[in-house]
PDB file of N, CA and C in Angstrom:
ATOM      1  N   GLY A   1       0.614  -1.162  -0.047  1.00  0.00           N
ATOM      2  CA  GLY A   1       0.077   0.058   0.127  1.00  0.00           C
ATOM      3  C   GLY A   1       0.637   1.609  -0.159  1.00  0.00           C
ATOM      4  N   ARG A   2       0.280   2.535  -0.277  1.00  0.00           N
ATOM      5  CA  ARG A   2       0.621   3.677  -0.442  1.00  0.00           C
ATOM      6  C   ARG A   2       0.825   4.341   1.135  1.00  0.00           C
ATOM      7  N   LEU A   3       1.398   5.016   1.202  1.00  0.00           N
ATOM      8  CA  LEU A   3       1.891   5.753   2.517  1.00  0.00           C
ATOM      9  C   LEU A   3       0.319   6.544   2.960  1.00  0.00           C
ATOM     10  N   ALA A   4      -0.120   6.624   3.677  1.00  0.00           N
ATOM     11  CA  ALA A   4      -0.969   7.397   3.936  1.00  0.00           C
ATOM     12  C   ALA A   4      -0.335   9.215   3.523  1.00  0.00           C
ATOM     13  N   PRO A   5      -1.447   9.960   3.368  1.00  0.00           N
ATOM     14  CA  PRO A   5      -1.226  11.122   2.764  1.00  0.00           C
ATOM     15  C   PRO A   5      -0.590  12.087   3.340  1.00  0.00           C
ATOM     16  N   ALA A   6      -1.268  12.101   4.395  1.00  0.00           N
ATOM     17  CA  ALA A   6      -0.644  12.629   6.132  1.00  0.00           C
ATOM     18  C   ALA A   6       1.037  13.084   5.978  1.00  0.00           C
ATOM     19  N   VAL A   7       1.465  11.495   5.909  1.00  0.00           N
ATOM     20  CA  VAL A   7       2.290  11.120   6.657  1.00  0.00           C
ATOM     21  C   VAL A   7       3.220  12.251   5.165  1.00  0.00           C
ATOM     22  N   VAL A   8       2.996  11.459   3.859  1.00  0.00           N
ATOM     23  CA  VAL A   8       4.117  12.340   3.079  1.00  0.00           C
ATOM     24  C   VAL A   8       4.083  13.592   3.054  1.00  0.00           C
ATOM     25  N   ARG A   9       2.796  14.357   3.137  1.00  0.00           N
ATOM     26  CA  ARG A   9       2.605  15.684   3.200  1.00  0.00           C
ATOM     27  C   ARG A   9       3.415  16.378   4.637  1.00  0.00           C
ATOM     28  N   ASP A  10       3.921  15.616   5.747  1.00  0.00           N
ATOM     29  CA  ASP A  10       4.570  16.380   6.652  1.00  0.00           C
ATOM     30  C   ASP A  10       6.084  15.814   6.316  1.00  0.00           C
ATOM     31  N   LEU A  11       6.293  14.733   5.858  1.00  0.00           N
ATOM     32  CA  LEU A  11       7.811  14.235   5.457  1.00  0.00           C
ATOM     33  C   LEU A  11       7.985  15.900   4.213  1.00  0.00           C
ATOM     34  N   MET A  12       6.931  15.880   3.312  1.00  0.00           N
ATOM     35  CA  MET A  12       7.568  16.964   2.179  1.00  0.00           C
ATOM     36  C   MET A  12       7.675  18.584   2.949  1.00  0.00           C
ATOM     37  N   SER A  13       6.914  18.732   4.060  1.00  0.00           N
ATOM     38  CA  SER A  13       6.927  20.059   4.427  1.00  0.00           C
ATOM     39  C   SER A  13       7.851  20.233   5.344  1.00  0.00           C
ATOM     40  N   MET A  14       8.191  18.829   5.788  1.00  0.00           N
ATOM     41  CA  MET A  14       9.640  19.257   6.687  1.00  0.00           C
ATOM     42  C   MET A  14      10.868  19.277   5.765  1.00  0.00           C
ATOM     43  N   ALA A  15      11.195  18.597   4.721  1.00  0.00           N
ATOM     44  CA  ALA A  15      11.707  19.110   3.942  1.00  0.00           C
ATOM     45  C   ALA A  15      11.930  20.250   3.109  1.00  0.00           C
ATOM     46  N   ARG A  16      10.780  20.903   3.114  1.00  0.00           N
ATOM     47  CA  ARG A  16      10.791  22.650   2.095  1.00  0.00           C
ATOM     48  C   ARG A  16      11.120  23.092   3.451  1.00  0.00           C
ATOM     49  N   SER A  17      10.910  23.113   4.593  1.00  0.00           N
ATOM     50  CA  SER A  17      11.608  24.133   5.314  1.00  0.00           C
ATOM     51  C   SER A  17      13.195  24.097   5.873  1.00  0.00           C
ATOM     52  N   CYS A  18      13.565  22.409   5.170  1.00  0.00           N
ATOM     53  CA  CYS A  18      14.506  22.390   5.558  1.00  0.00           C
ATOM     54  C   CYS A  18      15.738  22.598   4.696  1.00  0.00           C
ATOM     55  N   SER A  19      15.362  22.664   3.531  1.00  0.00           N
ATOM     56  CA  SER A  19      15.839  22.724   1.918  1.00  0.00           C
ATOM     57  C   SER A  19      16.964  24.117   2.209  1.00  0.00           C
ATOM     58  N   PRO A  20      17.864  24.131   1.312  1.00  0.00           N
ATOM     59  CA  PRO A  20      18.780  25.082   1.244  1.00  0.00           C
ATOM     60  C   PRO A  20      18.168  26.609   1.115  1.00  0.00           C
ATOM     61  N   GLU A  21      17.459  26.662   0.451  1.00  0.00           N
ATOM     62  CA  GLU A  21      16.617  28.153   0.216  1.00  0.00           C
ATOM     63  C   GLU A  21      15.714  28.622   1.631  1.00  0.00           C
ATOM     64  N   ALA A  22      15.343  27.647   2.325  1.00  0.00           N
ATOM     65  CA  ALA A  22      14.630  28.535   3.753  1.00  0.00           C
ATOM     66  C   ALA A  22      15.783  28.078   4.827  1.00  0.00           C
ATOM     67  N   VAL A  23      16.735  27.402   5.073  1.00  0.00           N
ATOM     68  CA  VAL A  23      17.729  27.335   6.264  1.00  0.00           C
ATOM     69  C   VAL A  23      18.857  28.230   5.799  1.00  0.00           C
ATOM     70  N   GLY A  24      19.134  28.468   4.557  1.00  0.00           N
ATOM     71  CA  GLY A  24      20.119  29.727   4.195  1.00  0.00           C
ATOM     72  C   GLY A  24      21.227  29.263   5.060  1.00  0.00           C
ATOM     73  N   HIS A  25      21.549  29.812   6.088  1.00  0.00           N
ATOM     74  CA  HIS A  25      22.962  29.552   6.562  1.00  0.00           C
ATOM     75  C   HIS A  25      23.106  28.133   7.196  1.00  0.00           C
ATOM     76  N   ASN A  26      22.367  27.723   7.426  1.00  0.00           N
ATOM     77  CA  ASN A  26      21.891  25.835   7.626  1.00  0.00           C
ATOM     78  C   ASN A  26      22.280  24.756   6.846  1.00  0.00           C
ATOM     79  N   GLN A  27      22.412  25.321   5.474  1.00  0.00           N
ATOM     80  CA  GLN A  27      22.642  24.115   4.332  1.00  0.00           C
ATOM     81  C   GLN A  27      23.388  23.375   4.775  1.00  0.00           C
ATOM     82  N   HIS A  28      24.610  23.304   5.558  1.00  0.00           N
ATOM     83  CA  HIS A  28      25.235  21.904   5.983  1.00  0.00           C
ATOM     84  C   HIS A  28      24.828  21.153   6.426  1.00  0.00           C
ATOM     85  N   ALA A  29      23.705  21.180   7.382  1.00  0.00           N
ATOM     86  CA  ALA A  29      23.102  20.597   8.407  1.00  0.00           C
ATOM     87  C   ALA A  29      21.957  19.952   7.194  1.00  0.00           C
ATOM     88  N   TYR A  30      21.433  20.649   6.544  1.00  0.00           N
ATOM     89  CA  TYR A  30      20.127  20.240   5.674  1.00  0.00           C
ATOM     90  C   TYR A  30      21.096  18.655   4.781  1.00  0.00           C
ATOM     91  N   GLU A  31      22.308  19.153   4.414  1.00  0.00           N
ATOM     92  CA  GLU A  31      22.962  18.248   3.570  1.00  0.00           C
ATOM     93  C   GLU A  31      23.602  17.347   4.298  1.00  0.00           C
ATOM     94  N   ASP A  32      24.009  17.197   5.355  1.00  0.00           N
ATOM     95  CA  ASP A  32      24.619  16.467   6.263  1.00  0.00           C
ATOM     96  C   ASP A  32      23.468  15.159   6.528  1.00  0.00           C
ATOM     97  N   MET A  33      22.025  15.991   6.765  1.00  0.00           N
ATOM     98  CA  MET A  33      20.815  14.966   7.092  1.00  0.00           C
ATOM     99  C   MET A  33      20.953  14.112   5.848  1.00  0.00           C
ATOM    100  N   LEU A  34      20.527  14.246   4.666  1.00  0.00           N
ATOM    101  CA  LEU A  34      20.242  13.763   3.865  1.00  0.00           C
ATOM    102  C   LEU A  34      21.661  13.009   3.579  1.00  0.00           C
ATOM    103  N   GLN A  35      22.779  13.061   3.426  1.00  0.00           N
ATOM    104  CA  GLN A  35      24.005  12.470   3.462  1.00  0.00           C
ATOM    105  C   GLN A  35      24.054  10.857   4.449  1.00  0.00           C
ATOM    106  N   THR A  36      23.632  11.250   5.427  1.00  0.00           N
ATOM    107  CA  THR A  36      23.309  10.322   6.685  1.00  0.00           C
ATOM    108  C   THR A  36      22.282   9.466   6.053  1.00  0.00           C
ATOM    109  N   LEU A  37      21.404   9.705   5.766  1.00  0.00           N
ATOM    110  CA  LEU A  37      20.589   9.069   4.738  1.00  0.00           C
ATOM    111  C   LEU A  37      20.879   7.758   3.318  1.00  0.00           C
ATOM    112  N   LEU A  38      21.314   8.706   2.931  1.00  0.00           N
ATOM    113  CA  LEU A  38      22.421   8.249   1.804  1.00  0.00           C
ATOM    114  C   LEU A  38      23.530   7.479   2.087  1.00  0.00           C
ATOM    115  N   ALA A  39      24.278   7.405   2.972  1.00  0.00           N
ATOM    116  CA  ALA A  39      25.257   6.752   3.455  1.00  0.00           C
ATOM    117  C   ALA A  39      24.551   5.168   3.783  1.00  0.00           C
ATOM    118  N   ASP A  40      23.467   5.120   4.106  1.00  0.00           N
ATOM    119  CA  ASP A  40      22.754   3.872   4.632  1.00  0.00           C
ATOM    120  C   ASP A  40      21.979   3.012   3.116  1.00  0.00           C
ATOM    121  N   CYS A  41      22.232   3.803   1.739  1.00  0.00           N
ATOM    122  CA  CYS A  41      21.701   2.941   0.873  1.00  0.00           C
ATOM    123  C   CYS A  41      22.060   1.613   0.572  1.00  0.00           C
ATOM    124  N   ARG A  42      23.177   1.544   0.751  1.00  0.00           N
ATOM    125  CA  ARG A  42      23.696   0.269   0.502  1.00  0.00           C
ATOM    126  C   ARG A  42      22.934  -1.221   1.526  1.00  0.00           C
ATOM    127  N   PHE A  43      22.233  -0.136   2.807  1.00  0.00           N
ATOM    128  CA  PHE A  43      21.757  -1.149   4.021  1.00  0.00           C
ATOM    129  C   PHE A  43      19.905  -1.270   3.245  1.00  0.00           C
ATOM    130  N   PHE A  44      19.715  -0.369   2.389  1.00  0.00           N
ATOM    131  CA  PHE A  44      18.375  -0.370   2.184  1.00  0.00           C
ATOM    132  C   PHE A  44      17.671  -1.463   2.113  1.00  0.00           C
ATOM    133  N   PRO A  45      18.310  -2.958   1.343  1.00  0.00           N
ATOM    134  CA  PRO A  45      17.816  -3.935   1.173  1.00  0.00           C
ATOM    135  C   PRO A  45      17.499  -4.982   2.177  1.00  0.00           C
ATOM    136  N   GLU A  46      17.939  -4.360   3.497  1.00  0.00           N
ATOM    137  CA  GLU A  46      17.889  -4.882   4.874  1.00  0.00           C
ATOM    138  C   GLU A  46      16.533  -4.325   5.825  1.00  0.00           C
ATOM    139  N   TYR A  47      15.858  -2.923   4.933  1.00  0.00           N
ATOM    140  CA  TYR A  47      15.121  -2.242   5.589  1.00  0.00           C
ATOM    141  C   TYR A  47      13.742  -2.848   5.649  1.00  0.00           C
ATOM    142  N   PRO A  48      12.987  -2.996   6.389  1.00  0.00           N
ATOM    143  CA  PRO A  48      11.704  -3.230   6.628  1.00  0.00           C
ATOM    144  C   PRO A  48      10.676  -2.468   5.564  1.00  0.00           C
ATOM    145  N   GLN A  49       9.572  -3.604   4.339  1.00  0.00           N
ATOM    146  CA  GLN A  49       9.308  -2.777   3.186  1.00  0.00           C
ATOM    147  C   GLN A  49       8.694  -1.295   3.962  1.00  0.00           C
ATOM    148  N   TRP A  50       7.582  -0.987   4.755  1.00  0.00           N
ATOM    149  CA  TRP A  50       7.261  -0.127   4.813  1.00  0.00           C
ATOM    150  C   TRP A  50       8.645   1.109   5.262  1.00  0.00           C
ATOM    151  N   GLU A  51       9.366   1.186   5.715  1.00  0.00           N
ATOM    152  CA  GLU A  51      10.538   1.759   5.743  1.00  0.00           C
ATOM    153  C   GLU A  51      11.228   2.200   4.356  1.00  0.00           C
ATOM    154  N   LEU A  52      11.204   1.259   3.757  1.00  0.00           N
ATOM    155  CA  LEU A  52      11.689   1.461   2.577  1.00  0.00           C
ATOM    156  C   LEU A  52      10.931   2.121   1.115  1.00  0.00           C
ATOM    157  N   ASP A  53       9.865   1.884   1.593  1.00  0.00           N
ATOM    158  CA  ASP A  53       8.792   2.460   0.855  1.00  0.00           C
ATOM    159  C   ASP A  53       8.575   4.698   1.326  1.00  0.00           C
ATOM    160  N   LEU A  54       9.197   4.346   2.692  1.00  0.00           N
ATOM    161  CA  LEU A  54       8.789   5.309   3.279  1.00  0.00           C
ATOM    162  C   LEU A  54      10.516   6.558   2.727  1.00  0.00           C
ATOM    163  N   VAL A  55      11.552   5.597   2.852  1.00  0.00           N
ATOM    164  CA  VAL A  55      12.605   6.508   1.942  1.00  0.00           C
ATOM    165  C   VAL A  55      12.513   6.765   0.545  1.00  0.00           C
ATOM    166  N   ALA A  56      11.610   5.510  -0.039  1.00  0.00           N
ATOM    167  CA  ALA A  56      11.510   5.595  -1.792  1.00  0.00           C
ATOM    168  C   ALA A  56      10.551   7.370  -1.820  1.00  0.00           C
ATOM    169  N   GLU A  57       9.546   7.396  -1.399  1.00  0.00           N
ATOM    170  CA  GLU A  57       8.524   8.066  -1.583  1.00  0.00           C
ATOM    171  C   GLU A  57       9.581   9.939  -1.401  1.00  0.00           C
ATOM    172  N   PHE A  58      10.060   9.737  -0.221  1.00  0.00           N
ATOM    173  CA  PHE A  58      10.525  10.806   0.487  1.00  0.00           C
ATOM    174  C   PHE A  58      11.572  11.162  -0.941  1.00  0.00           C
ATOM    175  N   LEU A  59      12.964  10.893  -0.965  1.00  0.00           N
ATOM    176  CA  LEU A  59      13.873  10.636  -2.087  1.00  0.00           C
ATOM    177  C   LEU A  59      12.732  11.021  -3.368  1.00  0.00           C
ATOM    178  N   GLY A  60      12.360  10.351  -4.082  1.00  0.00           N
ATOM    179  CA  GLY A  60      11.490  10.567  -5.432  1.00  0.00           C
ATOM    180  C   GLY A  60      10.381  12.314  -4.905  1.00  0.00           C
ATOM    181  N   ARG A  61      10.182  12.575  -4.261  1.00  0.00           N
ATOM    182  CA  ARG A  61       9.422  13.547  -4.045  1.00  0.00           C
ATOM    183  C   ARG A  61      10.673  14.360  -3.748  1.00  0.00           C
ATOM    184  N   MET A  62      11.969  14.810  -3.231  1.00  0.00           N
ATOM    185  CA  MET A  62      12.848  15.558  -2.984  1.00  0.00           C
ATOM    186  C   MET A  62      13.254  16.075  -4.518  1.00  0.00           C
ATOM    187  N   LEU A  63      13.229  14.781  -5.567  1.00  0.00           N
ATOM    188  CA  LEU A  63      13.585  14.977  -7.064  1.00  0.00           C
ATOM    189  C   LEU A  63      12.441  15.783  -7.505  1.00  0.00           C
ATOM    190  N   HIS A  64      11.220  15.320  -7.353  1.00  0.00           N
ATOM    191  CA  HIS A  64       9.850  16.245  -7.705  1.00  0.00           C
ATOM    192  C   HIS A  64      10.033  17.528  -7.827  1.00  0.00           C
ATOM    193  N   PHE A  65      10.196  17.779  -6.432  1.00  0.00           N
ATOM    194  CA  PHE A  65      10.106  19.489  -5.963  1.00  0.00           C
ATOM    195  C   PHE A  65      11.607  19.964  -6.059  1.00  0.00           C
ATOM    196  N   ASN A  66      12.856  19.356  -6.939  1.00  0.00           N
ATOM    197  CA  ASN A  66      13.887  19.905  -6.930  1.00  0.00           C
ATOM    198  C   ASN A  66      14.583  20.883  -5.473  1.00  0.00           C
ATOM    199  N   LEU A  67      14.113  19.608  -4.708  1.00  0.00           N
ATOM    200  CA  LEU A  67      14.914  20.103  -3.178  1.00  0.00           C
ATOM    201  C   LEU A  67      16.275  19.527  -3.291  1.00  0.00           C
ATOM    202  N   LEU A  68      17.141  18.859  -3.538  1.00  0.00           N
ATOM    203  CA  LEU A  68      18.472  18.138  -4.050  1.00  0.00           C
ATOM    204  C   LEU A  68      18.872  19.354  -4.653  1.00  0.00           C
ATOM    205  N   PRO A  69      20.345  20.274  -3.934  1.00  0.00           N
ATOM    206  CA  PRO A  69      21.049  20.841  -4.681  1.00  0.00           C
ATOM    207  C   PRO A  69      21.926  20.146  -6.084  1.00  0.00           C
ATOM    208  N   PRO A  70      22.042  20.772  -6.764  1.00  0.00           N
ATOM    209  CA  PRO A  70      23.138  20.037  -7.798  1.00  0.00           C
ATOM    210  C   PRO A  70      24.293  19.759  -7.028  1.00  0.00           C
ATOM    211  N   GLY A  71      24.868  18.565  -7.651  1.00  0.00           N
ATOM    212  CA  GLY A  71      26.072  18.014  -6.938  1.00  0.00           C
ATOM    213  C   GLY A  71      26.101  16.664  -6.638  1.00  0.00           C
ATOM    214  N   PRO A  72      26.918  16.205  -5.571  1.00  0.00           N
ATOM    215  CA  PRO A  72      27.315  15.144  -5.221  1.00  0.00           C
ATOM    216  C   PRO A  72      26.077  14.394  -4.302  1.00  0.00           C
ATOM    217  N   LEU A  73      25.118  15.303  -3.834  1.00  0.00           N
ATOM    218  CA  LEU A  73      24.078  14.871  -2.861  1.00  0.00           C
ATOM    219  C   LEU A  73      22.903  14.365  -3.888  1.00  0.00           C
ATOM    220  N   LEU A  74      22.902  15.128  -5.361  1.00  0.00           N
ATOM    221  CA  LEU A  74      21.838  15.420  -6.158  1.00  0.00           C
ATOM    222  C   LEU A  74      22.099  13.567  -6.970  1.00  0.00           C
ATOM    223  N   CYS A  75      23.881  13.573  -7.373  1.00  0.00           N
ATOM    224  CA  CYS A  75      24.317  12.455  -7.871  1.00  0.00           C
ATOM    225  C   CYS A  75      24.198  10.725  -7.124  1.00  0.00           C
ATOM    226  N   SER A  76      24.748  11.382  -5.643  1.00  0.00           N
ATOM    227  CA  SER A  76      24.134  10.256  -4.712  1.00  0.00           C
ATOM    228  C   SER A  76      22.772   9.663  -4.597  1.00  0.00           C
ATOM    229  N   VAL A  77      21.617  10.022  -5.013  1.00  0.00           N
ATOM    230  CA  VAL A  77      20.456   9.794  -4.707  1.00  0.00           C
ATOM    231  C   VAL A  77      20.076   9.443  -6.310  1.00  0.00           C
ATOM    232  N   LEU A  78      20.583   9.913  -7.185  1.00  0.00           N
ATOM    233  CA  LEU A  78      20.486   9.097  -8.647  1.00  0.00           C
ATOM    234  C   LEU A  78      20.649   8.269  -8.893  1.00  0.00           C
ATOM    235  N   ASN A  79      22.238   8.185  -8.086  1.00  0.00           N
ATOM    236  CA  ASN A  79      22.880   6.817  -8.087  1.00  0.00           C
ATOM    237  C   ASN A  79      22.512   5.457  -7.712  1.00  0.00           C
ATOM    238  N   CYS A  80      21.856   5.967  -6.149  1.00  0.00           N
ATOM    239  CA  CYS A  80      20.612   4.625  -5.271  1.00  0.00           C
ATOM    240  C   CYS A  80      19.360   4.761  -6.200  1.00  0.00           C
ATOM    241  N   ILE A  81      19.194   5.133  -6.980  1.00  0.00           N
ATOM    242  CA  ILE A  81      17.654   4.992  -7.681  1.00  0.00           C
ATOM    243  C   ILE A  81      18.174   4.087  -8.649  1.00  0.00           C
ATOM    244  N   ILE A  82      19.438   4.582  -9.430  1.00  0.00           N
ATOM    245  CA  ILE A  82      19.657   3.664 -10.555  1.00  0.00           C
ATOM    246  C   ILE A  82      19.779   2.356 -10.390  1.00  0.00           C
ATOM    247  N   ALA A  83      21.104   1.685  -9.624  1.00  0.00           N
ATOM    248  CA  ALA A  83      21.141   0.722  -8.847  1.00  0.00           C
ATOM    249  C   ALA A  83      19.815  -0.072  -8.134  1.00  0.00           C
ATOM    250  N   ALA A  84      19.199   0.468  -7.773  1.00  0.00           N
ATOM    251  CA  ALA A  84      17.844   0.046  -7.536  1.00  0.00           C
ATOM    252  C   ALA A  84      17.152  -0.879  -8.676  1.00  0.00           C
ATOM    253  N   LEU A  85      17.282  -0.195  -9.686  1.00  0.00           N
ATOM    254  CA  LEU A  85      16.652  -0.548 -10.948  1.00  0.00           C
ATOM    255  C   LEU A  85      16.782  -1.896 -11.708  1.00  0.00           C
ATOM    256  N   ARG A  86      18.578  -2.171 -11.463  1.00  0.00           N
ATOM    257  CA  ARG A  86      19.649  -2.826 -11.094  1.00  0.00           C
ATOM    258  C   ARG A  86      19.030  -4.458 -10.632  1.00  0.00           C
ATOM    259  N   SER A  87      18.189  -4.229  -9.745  1.00  0.00           N
ATOM    260  CA  SER A  87      17.921  -5.287  -8.908  1.00  0.00           C
ATOM    261  C   SER A  87      17.386  -6.661  -9.389  1.00  0.00           C
ATOM    262  N   PRO A  88      16.970  -7.696  -8.731  1.00  0.00           N
ATOM    263  CA  PRO A  88      16.117  -8.617  -9.502  1.00  0.00           C
ATOM    264  C   PRO A  88      14.672  -7.730  -9.713  1.00  0.00           C
ATOM    265  N   LEU A  89      14.168  -8.150 -10.958  1.00  0.00           N
ATOM    266  CA  LEU A  89      12.320  -8.059 -11.107  1.00  0.00           C
ATOM    267  C   LEU A  89      11.623  -8.551  -9.729  1.00  0.00           C
ATOM    268  N   GLY A  90      10.937  -7.833  -9.230  1.00  0.00           N
ATOM    269  CA  GLY A  90      10.154  -8.358  -7.752  1.00  0.00           C
ATOM    270  C   GLY A  90      11.340  -8.041  -6.449  1.00  0.00           C
ATOM    271  N   SER A  91      12.160  -7.662  -6.369  1.00  0.00           N
ATOM    272  CA  SER A  91      12.708  -7.257  -5.386  1.00  0.00           C
ATOM    273  C   SER A  91      12.101  -5.896  -4.435  1.00  0.00           C
ATOM    274  N   LYS A  92      12.833  -6.421  -3.485  1.00  0.00           N
ATOM    275  CA  LYS A  92      12.508  -4.845  -2.550  1.00  0.00           C
ATOM    276  C   LYS A  92      12.571  -3.125  -2.871  1.00  0.00           C
ATOM    277  N   MET A  93      14.095  -4.039  -4.012  1.00  0.00           N
ATOM    278  CA  MET A  93      14.818  -2.853  -4.290  1.00  0.00           C
ATOM    279  C   MET A  93      14.437  -2.169  -5.427  1.00  0.00           C
ATOM    280  N   THR A  94      13.937  -3.185  -6.458  1.00  0.00           N
ATOM    281  CA  THR A  94      13.412  -2.830  -7.730  1.00  0.00           C
ATOM    282  C   THR A  94      11.647  -2.082  -7.458  1.00  0.00           C
ATOM    283  N   ARG A  95      11.269  -2.297  -6.363  1.00  0.00           N
ATOM    284  CA  ARG A  95       9.774  -1.796  -5.817  1.00  0.00           C
ATOM    285  C   ARG A  95      10.279  -0.290  -5.250  1.00  0.00           C
ATOM    286  N   PHE A  96      11.312  -0.279  -4.642  1.00  0.00           N
ATOM    287  CA  PHE A  96      12.216   1.281  -4.140  1.00  0.00           C
ATOM    288  C   PHE A  96      12.321   2.285  -5.198  1.00  0.00           C
ATOM    289  N   ALA A  97      12.666   1.557  -6.029  1.00  0.00           N
ATOM    290  CA  ALA A  97      13.220   2.416  -7.569  1.00  0.00           C
ATOM    291  C   ALA A  97      11.973   2.693  -8.105  1.00  0.00           C
ATOM    292  N   LEU A  98      11.147   2.088  -8.512  1.00  0.00           N
ATOM    293  CA  LEU A  98       9.610   2.194  -9.237  1.00  0.00           C
ATOM    294  C   LEU A  98       8.957   3.126  -8.198  1.00  0.00           C
ATOM    295  N   ARG A  99       9.253   3.203  -6.678  1.00  0.00           N
ATOM    296  CA  ARG A  99       8.164   3.861  -6.230  1.00  0.00           C
ATOM    297  C   ARG A  99       8.571   5.645  -6.145  1.00  0.00           C
ATOM    298  N   ALA A 100      10.136   5.430  -5.961  1.00  0.00           N
ATOM    299  CA  ALA A 100      10.820   6.764  -6.084  1.00  0.00           C
ATOM    300  C   ALA A 100      10.627   7.500  -8.034  1.00  0.00           C
ATOM    301  N   LEU A 101      10.848   6.440  -8.710  1.00  0.00           N
ATOM    302  CA  LEU A 101      10.875   7.297  -9.576  1.00  0.00           C
ATOM    303  C   LEU A 101       8.722   7.794 -10.335  1.00  0.00           C
ATOM    304  N   ASP A 102       7.992   6.856  -9.638  1.00  0.00           N
ATOM    305  CA  ASP A 102       6.565   7.515  -9.728  1.00  0.00           C
ATOM    306  C   ASP A 102       6.531   8.553  -8.865  1.00  0.00           C
ATOM    307  N   GLN A 103       7.160   9.220  -8.184  1.00  0.00           N
ATOM    308  CA  GLN A 103       7.294  10.182  -7.729  1.00  0.00           C
ATOM    309  C   GLN A 103       7.319  11.270  -8.387  1.00  0.00           C
ATOM    310  N   LEU A 104       8.501  11.167  -8.902  1.00  0.00           N
ATOM    311  CA  LEU A 104       8.885  12.286 -10.129  1.00  0.00           C
ATOM    312  C   LEU A 104       8.562  12.033 -11.192  1.00  0.00           C
ATOM    313  N   ARG A 105       7.542  11.254 -11.603  1.00  0.00           N
ATOM    314  CA  ARG A 105       7.180  11.349 -13.153  1.00  0.00           C
ATOM    315  C   ARG A 105       7.242  12.571 -13.815  1.00  0.00           C
ATOM    316  N   ALA A 106       6.656  13.412 -13.807  1.00  0.00           N
ATOM    317  CA  ALA A 106       6.342  14.743 -14.369  1.00  0.00           C
ATOM    318  C   ALA A 106       7.859  15.275 -14.446  1.00  0.00           C
ATOM    319  N   ARG A 107       8.764  15.218 -14.067  1.00  0.00           N
ATOM    320  CA  ARG A 107       9.974  15.443 -14.434  1.00  0.00           C
ATOM    321  C   ARG A 107      11.337  14.487 -14.441  1.00  0.00           C
ATOM    322  N   ILE A 108      10.516  13.592 -14.716  1.00  0.00           N
ATOM    323  CA  ILE A 108      11.898  12.477 -15.281  1.00  0.00           C
ATOM    324  C   ILE A 108      12.782  12.733 -16.258  1.00  0.00           C
ATOM    325  N   SER A 109      12.156  13.676 -17.422  1.00  0.00           N
ATOM    326  CA  SER A 109      13.050  14.341 -18.670  1.00  0.00           C
ATOM    327  C   SER A 109      14.305  15.234 -17.652  1.00  0.00           C
ATOM    328  N   HIS A 110      14.182  15.926 -16.782  1.00  0.00           N
ATOM    329  CA  HIS A 110      14.616  16.654 -15.991  1.00  0.00           C
ATOM    330  C   HIS A 110      16.382  15.518 -15.544  1.00  0.00           C
ATOM    331  N   PHE A 111      16.169  14.193 -15.639  1.00  0.00           N
ATOM    332  CA  PHE A 111      17.311  13.050 -14.877  1.00  0.00           C
ATOM    333  C   PHE A 111      17.387  12.301 -16.311  1.00  0.00           C
ATOM    334  N   PRO A 112      17.992  12.468 -17.700  1.00  0.00           N
ATOM    335  CA  PRO A 112      18.630  12.050 -19.019  1.00  0.00           C
ATOM    336  C   PRO A 112      19.013  10.317 -18.163  1.00  0.00           C
ATOM    337  N   GLY A 113      20.155  10.179 -17.153  1.00  0.00           N
ATOM    338  CA  GLY A 113      20.970   8.982 -16.713  1.00  0.00           C
ATOM    339  C   GLY A 113      19.661   8.111 -15.960  1.00  0.00           C
ATOM    340  N   LEU A 114      18.613   8.731 -15.646  1.00  0.00           N
ATOM    341  CA  LEU A 114      17.883   7.434 -15.446  1.00  0.00           C
ATOM    342  C   LEU A 114      16.927   7.187 -16.605  1.00  0.00           C
ATOM    343  N   ILE A 115      16.996   7.552 -17.759  1.00  0.00           N
ATOM    344  CA  ILE A 115      16.355   7.188 -18.771  1.00  0.00           C
ATOM    345  C   ILE A 115      17.477   6.543 -20.025  1.00  0.00           C
ATOM    346  N   GLU A 116      18.589   6.644 -19.412  1.00  0.00           N
ATOM    347  CA  GLU A 116      19.443   5.964 -20.510  1.00  0.00           C
ATOM    348  C   GLU A 116      19.735   4.152 -19.966  1.00  0.00           C
TER     349      GLU A 116
END
């Protein structure tokens, strides 16, 4: 199932309030928070399904709303999704990738690395 709309709304509200534009001088803290999440990418297959779904929707919406600054952080998110797409069909990681991609469907053309 999908995450409750209120949960996703709260997550995105939090992300927007922490985005580089909103926090200004606290951009380092924002990027550290995301880097910590992405450092866990190799452990995503061990996450419970509901937690992995939450991360997929969160990262997908971060991309959809353009809340990731260009550079290493954005590349890390895209690489995580691309790696998950290479997982066996029907696996938790394939579901993760498809769920993340579903969130940014309207902006997929902005990410040619995902299309190739």
